Amino acid sequence: MKKNIGAALALYPSPVLVVGAMVDGKPNWTLVAHAGYASMHLPFEK
């Protein structure tokens, strides 16, 4: 059964990650949005 919910915001706010690296001796920063987990367990865990 289909139900029309009208206009809705499809992208909800999510945390933003700040990723930094040293490039040629200077700090370089970028923002990464909509990041998440690929798995709840590490590959070497059982």
N, C-alpha and C. Protein backbone atom coordinates (compact mmCIF):
# COMPACT_ATOMS: atom_id res chain seq x y z
N MET A 1 0.84 -1.17 0.00
CA MET A 1 0.00 0.00 0.00
C MET A 1 0.89 1.24 0.00
N LYS A 2 0.68 2.13 -0.95
CA LYS A 2 1.43 3.37 -1.02
C LYS A 2 0.71 4.45 -0.24
N LYS A 3 1.50 5.30 0.41
CA LYS A 3 0.94 6.42 1.14
C LYS A 3 1.75 7.66 0.81
N ASN A 4 1.09 8.69 0.39
CA ASN A 4 1.76 9.94 0.04
C ASN A 4 2.04 10.71 1.33
N ILE A 5 3.32 10.93 1.63
CA ILE A 5 3.67 11.67 2.84
C ILE A 5 3.98 13.14 2.53
N GLY A 6 3.86 13.52 1.28
CA GLY A 6 4.12 14.91 0.90
C GLY A 6 5.61 15.18 0.77
N ALA A 7 5.96 16.45 0.73
CA ALA A 7 7.36 16.84 0.62
C ALA A 7 8.05 16.58 1.96
N ALA A 8 9.24 15.96 1.90
CA ALA A 8 9.98 15.65 3.12
C ALA A 8 11.47 15.83 2.86
N LEU A 9 12.19 16.21 3.89
CA LEU A 9 13.63 16.34 3.80
C LEU A 9 14.25 14.95 3.86
N ALA A 10 14.96 14.55 2.79
CA ALA A 10 15.50 13.20 2.72
C ALA A 10 16.87 13.08 3.39
N LEU A 11 17.61 14.16 3.47
CA LEU A 11 18.94 14.12 4.08
C LEU A 11 18.87 14.77 5.45
N TYR A 12 19.06 13.98 6.48
CA TYR A 12 19.02 14.49 7.83
C TYR A 12 20.43 14.92 8.25
N PRO A 13 20.56 15.86 9.16
CA PRO A 13 21.90 16.26 9.61
C PRO A 13 22.66 15.07 10.18
N SER A 14 23.94 15.02 9.87
CA SER A 14 24.78 13.94 10.39
C SER A 14 26.08 14.54 10.88
N PRO A 15 26.80 13.83 11.74
CA PRO A 15 28.08 14.35 12.22
C PRO A 15 29.08 14.52 11.08
N VAL A 16 29.95 15.49 11.24
CA VAL A 16 30.99 15.75 10.25
C VAL A 16 32.32 15.40 10.88
N LEU A 17 33.16 14.70 10.15
CA LEU A 17 34.48 14.32 10.62
C LEU A 17 35.51 15.31 10.08
N VAL A 18 36.45 15.68 10.91
CA VAL A 18 37.57 16.52 10.48
C VAL A 18 38.77 15.60 10.33
N VAL A 19 39.31 15.52 9.11
CA VAL A 19 40.44 14.65 8.82
C VAL A 19 41.64 15.54 8.52
N GLY A 20 42.74 15.26 9.19
CA GLY A 20 43.94 16.07 8.99
C GLY A 20 45.15 15.24 8.63
N ALA A 21 46.07 15.87 7.94
CA ALA A 21 47.33 15.23 7.56
C ALA A 21 48.39 16.29 7.42
N MET A 22 49.64 15.88 7.60
CA MET A 22 50.76 16.79 7.37
C MET A 22 51.22 16.61 5.93
N VAL A 23 51.19 17.69 5.16
CA VAL A 23 51.59 17.67 3.76
C VAL A 23 52.72 18.68 3.58
N ASP A 24 53.88 18.22 3.21
CA ASP A 24 55.06 19.07 3.05
C ASP A 24 55.32 19.90 4.31
N GLY A 25 55.14 19.30 5.48
CA GLY A 25 55.41 19.97 6.74
C GLY A 25 54.35 20.94 7.20
N LYS A 26 53.23 21.01 6.48
CA LYS A 26 52.14 21.92 6.86
C LYS A 26 50.87 21.09 7.11
N PRO A 27 50.06 21.51 8.10
CA PRO A 27 48.81 20.78 8.34
C PRO A 27 47.80 21.04 7.22
N ASN A 28 47.09 20.00 6.85
CA ASN A 28 46.07 20.09 5.82
C ASN A 28 44.81 19.44 6.38
N TRP A 29 43.67 20.13 6.31
CA TRP A 29 42.42 19.66 6.91
C TRP A 29 41.33 19.55 5.86
N THR A 30 40.44 18.59 6.04
CA THR A 30 39.26 18.48 5.19
C THR A 30 38.10 17.98 6.04
N LEU A 31 36.88 18.29 5.64
CA LEU A 31 35.68 17.82 6.32
C LEU A 31 35.06 16.69 5.53
N VAL A 32 34.65 15.64 6.22
CA VAL A 32 34.01 14.50 5.59
C VAL A 32 32.63 14.33 6.22
N ALA A 33 31.59 14.44 5.42
CA ALA A 33 30.22 14.32 5.94
C ALA A 33 29.62 12.97 5.55
N HIS A 34 28.60 12.59 6.23
CA HIS A 34 27.85 11.34 5.99
C HIS A 34 28.77 10.13 6.07
N ALA A 35 29.65 10.11 7.07
CA ALA A 35 30.52 8.96 7.28
C ALA A 35 29.83 7.99 8.23
N GLY A 36 30.17 6.73 8.13
CA GLY A 36 29.55 5.75 9.00
C GLY A 36 30.40 4.49 9.09
N TYR A 37 29.89 3.52 9.81
CA TYR A 37 30.57 2.24 9.98
C TYR A 37 30.20 1.31 8.82
N ALA A 38 31.20 0.58 8.35
CA ALA A 38 30.92 -0.45 7.35
C ALA A 38 30.53 -1.75 8.04
N SER A 39 31.05 -1.95 9.27
CA SER A 39 30.77 -3.16 10.02
C SER A 39 30.94 -2.85 11.50
N MET A 40 30.20 -3.55 12.33
CA MET A 40 30.31 -3.34 13.76
C MET A 40 31.46 -4.15 14.36
N HIS A 41 32.08 -5.06 13.58
CA HIS A 41 33.15 -5.92 14.07
C HIS A 41 34.39 -5.73 13.19
N LEU A 42 35.54 -5.76 13.83
CA LEU A 42 36.78 -5.68 13.08
C LEU A 42 37.03 -7.01 12.37
N PRO A 43 37.76 -7.01 11.24
CA PRO A 43 37.95 -8.26 10.48
C PRO A 43 38.64 -9.36 11.28
N PHE A 44 39.52 -9.00 12.23
CA PHE A 44 40.25 -10.02 12.98
C PHE A 44 39.51 -10.47 14.23
N GLU A 45 38.36 -9.89 14.56
CA GLU A 45 37.58 -10.32 15.70
C GLU A 45 36.66 -11.47 15.30
N LYS A 46 36.40 -12.34 16.25
CA LYS A 46 35.47 -13.45 15.98
C LYS A 46 34.33 -13.39 16.93
